[in-house]
PDB file of N, CA and C in Angstrom:
ATOM      1  N   MET A   1       9.639 -31.626  -5.875  1.00  0.00           N
ATOM      2  CA  MET A   1      10.031 -30.257  -6.035  1.00  0.00           C
ATOM      3  C   MET A   1       9.999 -29.607  -4.665  1.00  0.00           C
ATOM      4  N   LYS A   2      11.047 -28.833  -4.369  1.00  0.00           N
ATOM      5  CA  LYS A   2      11.123 -28.141  -3.084  1.00  0.00           C
ATOM      6  C   LYS A   2      11.459 -26.679  -3.357  1.00  0.00           C
ATOM      7  N   ILE A   3      10.966 -25.803  -2.486  1.00  0.00           N
ATOM      8  CA  ILE A   3      11.200 -24.374  -2.655  1.00  0.00           C
ATOM      9  C   ILE A   3      11.760 -23.801  -1.357  1.00  0.00           C
ATOM     10  N   GLU A   4      12.786 -22.959  -1.494  1.00  0.00           N
ATOM     11  CA  GLU A   4      13.340 -22.204  -0.372  1.00  0.00           C
ATOM     12  C   GLU A   4      13.097 -20.735  -0.685  1.00  0.00           C
ATOM     13  N   VAL A   5      12.669 -19.952   0.314  1.00  0.00           N
ATOM     14  CA  VAL A   5      12.322 -18.548   0.058  1.00  0.00           C
ATOM     15  C   VAL A   5      12.892 -17.652   1.142  1.00  0.00           C
ATOM     16  N   GLN A   6      13.368 -16.471   0.717  1.00  0.00           N
ATOM     17  CA  GLN A   6      13.784 -15.415   1.630  1.00  0.00           C
ATOM     18  C   GLN A   6      12.964 -14.179   1.289  1.00  0.00           C
ATOM     19  N   ARG A   7      12.646 -13.402   2.302  1.00  0.00           N
ATOM     20  CA  ARG A   7      11.833 -12.205   2.090  1.00  0.00           C
ATOM     21  C   ARG A   7      12.644 -10.958   2.405  1.00  0.00           C
ATOM     22  N   THR A   8      12.541  -9.956   1.523  1.00  0.00           N
ATOM     23  CA  THR A   8      13.155  -8.652   1.728  1.00  0.00           C
ATOM     24  C   THR A   8      12.100  -7.618   1.374  1.00  0.00           C
ATOM     25  N   GLY A   9      11.430  -7.061   2.373  1.00  0.00           N
ATOM     26  CA  GLY A   9      10.339  -6.127   2.110  1.00  0.00           C
ATOM     27  C   GLY A   9       9.232  -6.830   1.345  1.00  0.00           C
ATOM     28  N   ASN A  10       8.836  -6.257   0.207  1.00  0.00           N
ATOM     29  CA  ASN A  10       7.796  -6.873  -0.623  1.00  0.00           C
ATOM     30  C   ASN A  10       8.364  -7.862  -1.635  1.00  0.00           C
ATOM     31  N   MET A  11       9.678  -8.042  -1.637  1.00  0.00           N
ATOM     32  CA  MET A  11      10.313  -8.977  -2.572  1.00  0.00           C
ATOM     33  C   MET A  11      10.500 -10.335  -1.902  1.00  0.00           C
ATOM     34  N   LYS A  12      10.254 -11.367  -2.679  1.00  0.00           N
ATOM     35  CA  LYS A  12      10.518 -12.725  -2.224  1.00  0.00           C
ATOM     36  C   LYS A  12      11.467 -13.348  -3.241  1.00  0.00           C
ATOM     37  N   HIS A  13      12.573 -13.831  -2.739  1.00  0.00           N
ATOM     38  CA  HIS A  13      13.591 -14.465  -3.573  1.00  0.00           C
ATOM     39  C   HIS A  13      13.650 -15.922  -3.174  1.00  0.00           C
ATOM     40  N   GLY A  14      13.789 -16.792  -4.137  1.00  0.00           N
ATOM     41  CA  GLY A  14      13.805 -18.197  -3.773  1.00  0.00           C
ATOM     42  C   GLY A  14      14.533 -19.066  -4.764  1.00  0.00           C
ATOM     43  N   ARG A  15      14.533 -20.338  -4.438  1.00  0.00           N
ATOM     44  CA  ARG A  15      15.179 -21.359  -5.257  1.00  0.00           C
ATOM     45  C   ARG A  15      14.271 -22.577  -5.278  1.00  0.00           C
ATOM     46  N   ILE A  16      14.085 -23.148  -6.454  1.00  0.00           N
ATOM     47  CA  ILE A  16      13.299 -24.365  -6.601  1.00  0.00           C
ATOM     48  C   ILE A  16      14.251 -25.462  -7.072  1.00  0.00           C
ATOM     49  N   PHE A  17      14.174 -26.614  -6.415  1.00  0.00           N
ATOM     50  CA  PHE A  17      15.097 -27.692  -6.738  1.00  0.00           C
ATOM     51  C   PHE A  17      14.485 -29.049  -6.457  1.00  0.00           C
ATOM     52  N   ASP A  18      15.122 -30.070  -6.984  1.00  0.00           N
ATOM     53  CA  ASP A  18      14.709 -31.453  -6.727  1.00  0.00           C
ATOM     54  C   ASP A  18      15.265 -31.844  -5.363  1.00  0.00           C
ATOM     55  N   PRO A  19      14.415 -32.254  -4.421  1.00  0.00           N
ATOM     56  CA  PRO A  19      14.890 -32.545  -3.068  1.00  0.00           C
ATOM     57  C   PRO A  19      15.781 -33.782  -2.978  1.00  0.00           C
ATOM     58  N   GLU A  20      15.661 -34.690  -3.914  1.00  0.00           N
ATOM     59  CA  GLU A  20      16.485 -35.902  -3.864  1.00  0.00           C
ATOM     60  C   GLU A  20      17.887 -35.666  -4.400  1.00  0.00           C
ATOM     61  N   SER A  21      17.981 -34.969  -5.531  1.00  0.00           N
ATOM     62  CA  SER A  21      19.292 -34.747  -6.151  1.00  0.00           C
ATOM     63  C   SER A  21      19.890 -33.387  -5.798  1.00  0.00           C
ATOM     64  N   ASN A  22      19.076 -32.488  -5.227  1.00  0.00           N
ATOM     65  CA  ASN A  22      19.461 -31.111  -4.913  1.00  0.00           C
ATOM     66  C   ASN A  22      19.795 -30.305  -6.169  1.00  0.00           C
ATOM     67  N   GLN A  23      19.388 -30.790  -7.342  1.00  0.00           N
ATOM     68  CA  GLN A  23      19.628 -30.095  -8.605  1.00  0.00           C
ATOM     69  C   GLN A  23      18.580 -29.006  -8.808  1.00  0.00           C
ATOM     70  N   PRO A  24      19.007 -27.822  -9.307  1.00  0.00           N
ATOM     71  CA  PRO A  24      18.041 -26.748  -9.558  1.00  0.00           C
ATOM     72  C   PRO A  24      17.087 -27.123 -10.682  1.00  0.00           C
ATOM     73  N   LEU A  25      15.865 -26.618 -10.602  1.00  0.00           N
ATOM     74  CA  LEU A  25      14.868 -26.840 -11.647  1.00  0.00           C
ATOM     75  C   LEU A  25      14.778 -25.576 -12.500  1.00  0.00           C
ATOM     76  N   THR A  26      15.533 -25.569 -13.578  1.00  0.00           N
ATOM     77  CA  THR A  26      15.571 -24.449 -14.514  1.00  0.00           C
ATOM     78  C   THR A  26      14.263 -24.385 -15.293  1.00  0.00           C
ATOM     79  N   GLY A  27      13.654 -23.214 -15.336  1.00  0.00           N
ATOM     80  CA  GLY A  27      12.425 -23.029 -16.099  1.00  0.00           C
ATOM     81  C   GLY A  27      11.155 -23.377 -15.339  1.00  0.00           C
ATOM     82  N   ALA A  28      11.255 -23.602 -14.029  1.00  0.00           N
ATOM     83  CA  ALA A  28      10.049 -23.833 -13.223  1.00  0.00           C
ATOM     84  C   ALA A  28       9.263 -22.520 -13.154  1.00  0.00           C
ATOM     85  N   ASN A  29       7.958 -22.624 -13.115  1.00  0.00           N
ATOM     86  CA  ASN A  29       7.091 -21.441 -13.057  1.00  0.00           C
ATOM     87  C   ASN A  29       6.535 -21.250 -11.658  1.00  0.00           C
ATOM     88  N   ILE A  30       6.492 -19.987 -11.245  1.00  0.00           N
ATOM     89  CA  ILE A  30       5.913 -19.592  -9.954  1.00  0.00           C
ATOM     90  C   ILE A  30       4.920 -18.496 -10.258  1.00  0.00           C
ATOM     91  N   ILE A  31       3.674 -18.640  -9.832  1.00  0.00           N
ATOM     92  CA  ILE A  31       2.637 -17.645 -10.083  1.00  0.00           C
ATOM     93  C   ILE A  31       1.938 -17.310  -8.770  1.00  0.00           C
ATOM     94  N   ILE A  32       1.723 -16.013  -8.523  1.00  0.00           N
ATOM     95  CA  ILE A  32       0.967 -15.607  -7.340  1.00  0.00           C
ATOM     96  C   ILE A  32      -0.477 -16.019  -7.577  1.00  0.00           C
ATOM     97  N   GLU A  33      -1.011 -16.831  -6.661  1.00  0.00           N
ATOM     98  CA  GLU A  33      -2.365 -17.365  -6.822  1.00  0.00           C
ATOM     99  C   GLU A  33      -3.382 -16.242  -6.990  1.00  0.00           C
ATOM    100  N   GLY A  34      -4.264 -16.387  -7.969  1.00  0.00           N
ATOM    101  CA  GLY A  34      -5.313 -15.404  -8.221  1.00  0.00           C
ATOM    102  C   GLY A  34      -4.857 -14.204  -9.019  1.00  0.00           C
ATOM    103  N   SER A  35      -3.654 -14.265  -9.594  1.00  0.00           N
ATOM    104  CA  SER A  35      -3.155 -13.144 -10.381  1.00  0.00           C
ATOM    105  C   SER A  35      -2.469 -13.666 -11.639  1.00  0.00           C
ATOM    106  N   THR A  36      -1.964 -12.743 -12.418  1.00  0.00           N
ATOM    107  CA  THR A  36      -1.172 -13.120 -13.594  1.00  0.00           C
ATOM    108  C   THR A  36       0.308 -12.822 -13.358  1.00  0.00           C
ATOM    109  N   THR A  37       0.661 -12.449 -12.136  1.00  0.00           N
ATOM    110  CA  THR A  37       2.046 -12.141 -11.800  1.00  0.00           C
ATOM    111  C   THR A  37       2.801 -13.419 -11.506  1.00  0.00           C
ATOM    112  N   GLY A  38       3.955 -13.544 -12.126  1.00  0.00           N
ATOM    113  CA  GLY A  38       4.733 -14.749 -11.902  1.00  0.00           C
ATOM    114  C   GLY A  38       6.171 -14.571 -12.324  1.00  0.00           C
ATOM    115  N   ALA A  39       6.924 -15.646 -12.225  1.00  0.00           N
ATOM    116  CA  ALA A  39       8.335 -15.654 -12.597  1.00  0.00           C
ATOM    117  C   ALA A  39       8.707 -17.058 -13.051  1.00  0.00           C
ATOM    118  N   THR A  40       9.826 -17.140 -13.732  1.00  0.00           N
ATOM    119  CA  THR A  40      10.385 -18.417 -14.162  1.00  0.00           C
ATOM    120  C   THR A  40      11.780 -18.518 -13.587  1.00  0.00           C
ATOM    121  N   THR A  41      12.146 -19.684 -13.087  1.00  0.00           N
ATOM    122  CA  THR A  41      13.463 -19.844 -12.485  1.00  0.00           C
ATOM    123  C   THR A  41      14.567 -19.791 -13.539  1.00  0.00           C
ATOM    124  N   ASN A  42      15.733 -19.297 -13.118  1.00  0.00           N
ATOM    125  CA  ASN A  42      16.882 -19.231 -14.013  1.00  0.00           C
ATOM    126  C   ASN A  42      17.632 -20.565 -13.989  1.00  0.00           C
ATOM    127  N   ASN A  43      18.828 -20.602 -14.563  1.00  0.00           N
ATOM    128  CA  ASN A  43      19.567 -21.862 -14.640  1.00  0.00           C
ATOM    129  C   ASN A  43      20.063 -22.362 -13.285  1.00  0.00           C
ATOM    130  N   GLU A  44      19.971 -21.533 -12.252  1.00  0.00           N
ATOM    131  CA  GLU A  44      20.320 -21.953 -10.887  1.00  0.00           C
ATOM    132  C   GLU A  44      19.067 -22.283 -10.074  1.00  0.00           C
ATOM    133  N   GLY A  45      17.888 -22.253 -10.722  1.00  0.00           N
ATOM    134  CA  GLY A  45      16.632 -22.526 -10.043  1.00  0.00           C
ATOM    135  C   GLY A  45      16.134 -21.360  -9.209  1.00  0.00           C
ATOM    136  N   ARG A  46      16.695 -20.172  -9.420  1.00  0.00           N
ATOM    137  CA  ARG A  46      16.357 -19.000  -8.599  1.00  0.00           C
ATOM    138  C   ARG A  46      15.302 -18.124  -9.275  1.00  0.00           C
ATOM    139  N   PHE A  47      14.513 -17.432  -8.426  1.00  0.00           N
ATOM    140  CA  PHE A  47      13.468 -16.526  -8.910  1.00  0.00           C
ATOM    141  C   PHE A  47      13.305 -15.382  -7.935  1.00  0.00           C
ATOM    142  N   SER A  48      12.651 -14.306  -8.389  1.00  0.00           N
ATOM    143  CA  SER A  48      12.277 -13.168  -7.545  1.00  0.00           C
ATOM    144  C   SER A  48      10.865 -12.755  -7.919  1.00  0.00           C
ATOM    145  N   LEU A  49      10.062 -12.442  -6.914  1.00  0.00           N
ATOM    146  CA  LEU A  49       8.691 -11.961  -7.110  1.00  0.00           C
ATOM    147  C   LEU A  49       8.454 -10.776  -6.199  1.00  0.00           C
ATOM    148  N   GLU A  50       7.752  -9.775  -6.713  1.00  0.00           N
ATOM    149  CA  GLU A  50       7.378  -8.634  -5.889  1.00  0.00           C
ATOM    150  C   GLU A  50       5.897  -8.718  -5.576  1.00  0.00           C
ATOM    151  N   PHE A  51       5.573  -8.621  -4.295  1.00  0.00           N
ATOM    152  CA  PHE A  51       4.194  -8.676  -3.818  1.00  0.00           C
ATOM    153  C   PHE A  51       3.770  -7.290  -3.370  1.00  0.00           C
ATOM    154  N   SER A  52       2.546  -6.869  -3.718  1.00  0.00           N
ATOM    155  CA  SER A  52       2.025  -5.616  -3.184  1.00  0.00           C
ATOM    156  C   SER A  52       1.545  -5.884  -1.758  1.00  0.00           C
ATOM    157  N   GLU A  53       1.287  -4.824  -1.017  1.00  0.00           N
ATOM    158  CA  GLU A  53       0.863  -4.980   0.380  1.00  0.00           C
ATOM    159  C   GLU A  53      -0.420  -5.780   0.513  1.00  0.00           C
ATOM    160  N   ASN A  54      -1.334  -5.626  -0.427  1.00  0.00           N
ATOM    161  CA  ASN A  54      -2.631  -6.295  -0.354  1.00  0.00           C
ATOM    162  C   ASN A  54      -2.645  -7.652  -1.045  1.00  0.00           C
ATOM    163  N   GLU A  55      -1.536  -8.033  -1.610  1.00  0.00           N
ATOM    164  CA  GLU A  55      -1.521  -9.234  -2.428  1.00  0.00           C
ATOM    165  C   GLU A  55      -1.350 -10.502  -1.596  1.00  0.00           C
ATOM    166  N   ASN A  56      -2.037 -11.526  -2.046  1.00  0.00           N
ATOM    167  CA  ASN A  56      -1.956 -12.850  -1.449  1.00  0.00           C
ATOM    168  C   ASN A  56      -0.509 -13.346  -1.503  1.00  0.00           C
ATOM    169  N   SER A  57      -0.023 -13.973  -0.464  1.00  0.00           N
ATOM    170  CA  SER A  57       1.328 -14.520  -0.458  1.00  0.00           C
ATOM    171  C   SER A  57       1.333 -16.000  -0.781  1.00  0.00           C
ATOM    172  N   ARG A  58       0.281 -16.482  -1.386  1.00  0.00           N
ATOM    173  CA  ARG A  58       0.206 -17.891  -1.773  1.00  0.00           C
ATOM    174  C   ARG A  58       0.593 -18.012  -3.245  1.00  0.00           C
ATOM    175  N   VAL A  59       1.489 -18.945  -3.543  1.00  0.00           N
ATOM    176  CA  VAL A  59       1.937 -19.127  -4.917  1.00  0.00           C
ATOM    177  C   VAL A  59       1.714 -20.566  -5.364  1.00  0.00           C
ATOM    178  N   ILE A  60       1.684 -20.726  -6.662  1.00  0.00           N
ATOM    179  CA  ILE A  60       1.590 -22.046  -7.278  1.00  0.00           C
ATOM    180  C   ILE A  60       2.885 -22.247  -8.050  1.00  0.00           C
ATOM    181  N   ASP A  61       3.582 -23.348  -7.789  1.00  0.00           N
ATOM    182  CA  ASP A  61       4.774 -23.623  -8.577  1.00  0.00           C
ATOM    183  C   ASP A  61       4.547 -24.875  -9.406  1.00  0.00           C
ATOM    184  N   SER A  62       5.113 -24.859 -10.605  1.00  0.00           N
ATOM    185  CA  SER A  62       4.918 -25.996 -11.502  1.00  0.00           C
ATOM    186  C   SER A  62       6.166 -26.227 -12.334  1.00  0.00           C
ATOM    187  N   TYR A  63       6.360 -27.496 -12.671  1.00  0.00           N
ATOM    188  CA  TYR A  63       7.496 -27.905 -13.486  1.00  0.00           C
ATOM    189  C   TYR A  63       7.147 -29.236 -14.125  1.00  0.00           C
ATOM    190  N   THR A  64       7.458 -29.386 -15.386  1.00  0.00           N
ATOM    191  CA  THR A  64       7.131 -30.616 -16.108  1.00  0.00           C
ATOM    192  C   THR A  64       7.735 -31.827 -15.397  1.00  0.00           C
ATOM    193  N   GLY A  65       6.893 -32.831 -15.158  1.00  0.00           N
ATOM    194  CA  GLY A  65       7.337 -34.057 -14.503  1.00  0.00           C
ATOM    195  C   GLY A  65       7.167 -34.056 -12.999  1.00  0.00           C
ATOM    196  N   TYR A  66       6.723 -32.927 -12.426  1.00  0.00           N
ATOM    197  CA  TYR A  66       6.501 -32.808 -10.986  1.00  0.00           C
ATOM    198  C   TYR A  66       5.057 -32.370 -10.754  1.00  0.00           C
ATOM    199  N   SER A  67       4.518 -32.685  -9.607  1.00  0.00           N
ATOM    200  CA  SER A  67       3.176 -32.216  -9.250  1.00  0.00           C
ATOM    201  C   SER A  67       3.249 -30.738  -8.897  1.00  0.00           C
ATOM    202  N   SER A  68       2.254 -29.968  -9.341  1.00  0.00           N
ATOM    203  CA  SER A  68       2.167 -28.561  -8.953  1.00  0.00           C
ATOM    204  C   SER A  68       1.865 -28.487  -7.468  1.00  0.00           C
ATOM    205  N   THR A  69       2.392 -27.464  -6.823  1.00  0.00           N
ATOM    206  CA  THR A  69       2.144 -27.299  -5.401  1.00  0.00           C
ATOM    207  C   THR A  69       1.668 -25.873  -5.132  1.00  0.00           C
ATOM    208  N   HIS A  70       0.906 -25.699  -4.056  1.00  0.00           N
ATOM    209  CA  HIS A  70       0.446 -24.414  -3.582  1.00  0.00           C
ATOM    210  C   HIS A  70       1.193 -24.149  -2.282  1.00  0.00           C
ATOM    211  N   ILE A  71       1.853 -22.989  -2.209  1.00  0.00           N
ATOM    212  CA  ILE A  71       2.710 -22.699  -1.058  1.00  0.00           C
ATOM    213  C   ILE A  71       2.382 -21.310  -0.522  1.00  0.00           C
ATOM    214  N   ASN A  72       2.259 -21.190   0.787  1.00  0.00           N
ATOM    215  CA  ASN A  72       2.115 -19.877   1.421  1.00  0.00           C
ATOM    216  C   ASN A  72       3.505 -19.330   1.690  1.00  0.00           C
ATOM    217  N   LEU A  73       3.781 -18.151   1.120  1.00  0.00           N
ATOM    218  CA  LEU A  73       5.068 -17.521   1.356  1.00  0.00           C
ATOM    219  C   LEU A  73       4.874 -16.476   2.418  1.00  0.00           C
TER     220      LEU A  73
END
Protein backbone atom coordinates (compact mmCIF):
# COMPACT_ATOMS: atom_id res chain seq x y z
CA MET A 1 0.00 0.00 0.00
CA LYS A 2 1.32 3.43 -0.93
CA ILE A 3 -0.01 6.88 -0.09
CA GLU A 4 0.45 10.20 -1.91
CA VAL A 5 -0.56 13.39 -0.06
CA GLN A 6 -0.97 17.07 -0.88
CA ARG A 7 -1.52 19.74 1.74
CA THR A 8 -3.74 22.82 1.44
CA GLY A 9 -3.84 24.73 4.72
CA ASN A 10 -5.22 22.36 7.36
CA MET A 11 -6.58 19.99 4.69
CA LYS A 12 -4.66 16.98 3.49
CA HIS A 13 -5.82 15.30 0.30
CA GLY A 14 -4.38 12.04 -0.84
CA ARG A 15 -4.58 8.82 -2.75
CA ILE A 16 -3.93 5.29 -1.53
CA PHE A 17 -3.01 2.65 -4.08
CA ASP A 18 -1.23 -0.63 -4.68
CA PRO A 19 2.36 0.25 -5.66
CA GLU A 20 2.77 -2.77 -7.93
CA SER A 21 -0.41 -2.46 -9.99
CA ASN A 22 -1.01 1.29 -9.39
CA GLN A 23 -4.68 0.38 -8.76
CA PRO A 24 -6.59 2.53 -6.24
CA LEU A 25 -7.56 0.93 -2.93
CA THR A 26 -11.26 1.69 -2.58
CA GLY A 27 -12.47 1.64 1.02
CA ALA A 28 -9.05 1.99 2.67
CA ASN A 29 -9.23 3.66 6.09
CA ILE A 30 -7.10 6.58 7.24
CA ILE A 31 -7.26 7.67 10.89
CA ILE A 32 -5.39 10.51 12.61
CA GLU A 33 -3.33 8.73 15.27
CA GLY A 34 -4.67 9.27 18.79
CA SER A 35 -8.07 10.48 17.62
CA THR A 36 -11.34 9.24 16.20
CA THR A 37 -11.04 11.46 13.12
CA GLY A 38 -10.63 9.59 9.89
CA ALA A 39 -11.73 9.04 6.32
CA THR A 40 -12.35 6.22 3.88
CA THR A 41 -11.04 6.30 0.33
CA ASN A 42 -13.49 6.61 -2.56
CA ASN A 43 -13.52 4.47 -5.71
CA GLU A 44 -10.44 6.35 -7.00
CA GLY A 45 -8.54 5.70 -3.74
CA ARG A 46 -8.80 9.38 -2.78
CA PHE A 47 -9.45 10.90 0.66
CA SER A 48 -9.48 14.26 2.46
CA LEU A 49 -8.75 14.95 6.13
CA GLU A 50 -8.85 18.20 8.07
CA PHE A 51 -6.26 18.68 10.80
CA SER A 52 -6.54 21.28 13.57
CA GLU A 53 -3.47 23.39 14.33
CA ASN A 54 -2.64 21.35 17.43
CA GLU A 55 -3.39 17.99 15.92
CA ASN A 56 -0.83 15.30 15.26
CA SER A 57 -0.05 14.87 11.55
CA ARG A 58 0.60 11.16 11.95
CA VAL A 59 -1.98 8.83 10.43
CA ILE A 60 -2.62 5.11 10.35
CA ASP A 61 -3.83 3.62 7.09
CA SER A 62 -5.32 0.17 6.77
CA TYR A 63 -6.82 -2.03 4.10
CA THR A 64 -7.77 -5.70 4.13
CA GLY A 65 -4.91 -7.83 2.82
CA TYR A 66 -2.24 -5.17 3.43
CA SER A 67 -0.18 -4.33 6.51
CA SER A 68 -1.30 -1.21 8.37
CA THR A 69 1.20 1.61 8.20
CA HIS A 70 1.90 4.71 10.31
CA ILE A 71 2.74 7.78 8.22
CA ASN A 72 3.76 11.32 9.15
CA LEU A 73 1.91 13.77 6.94
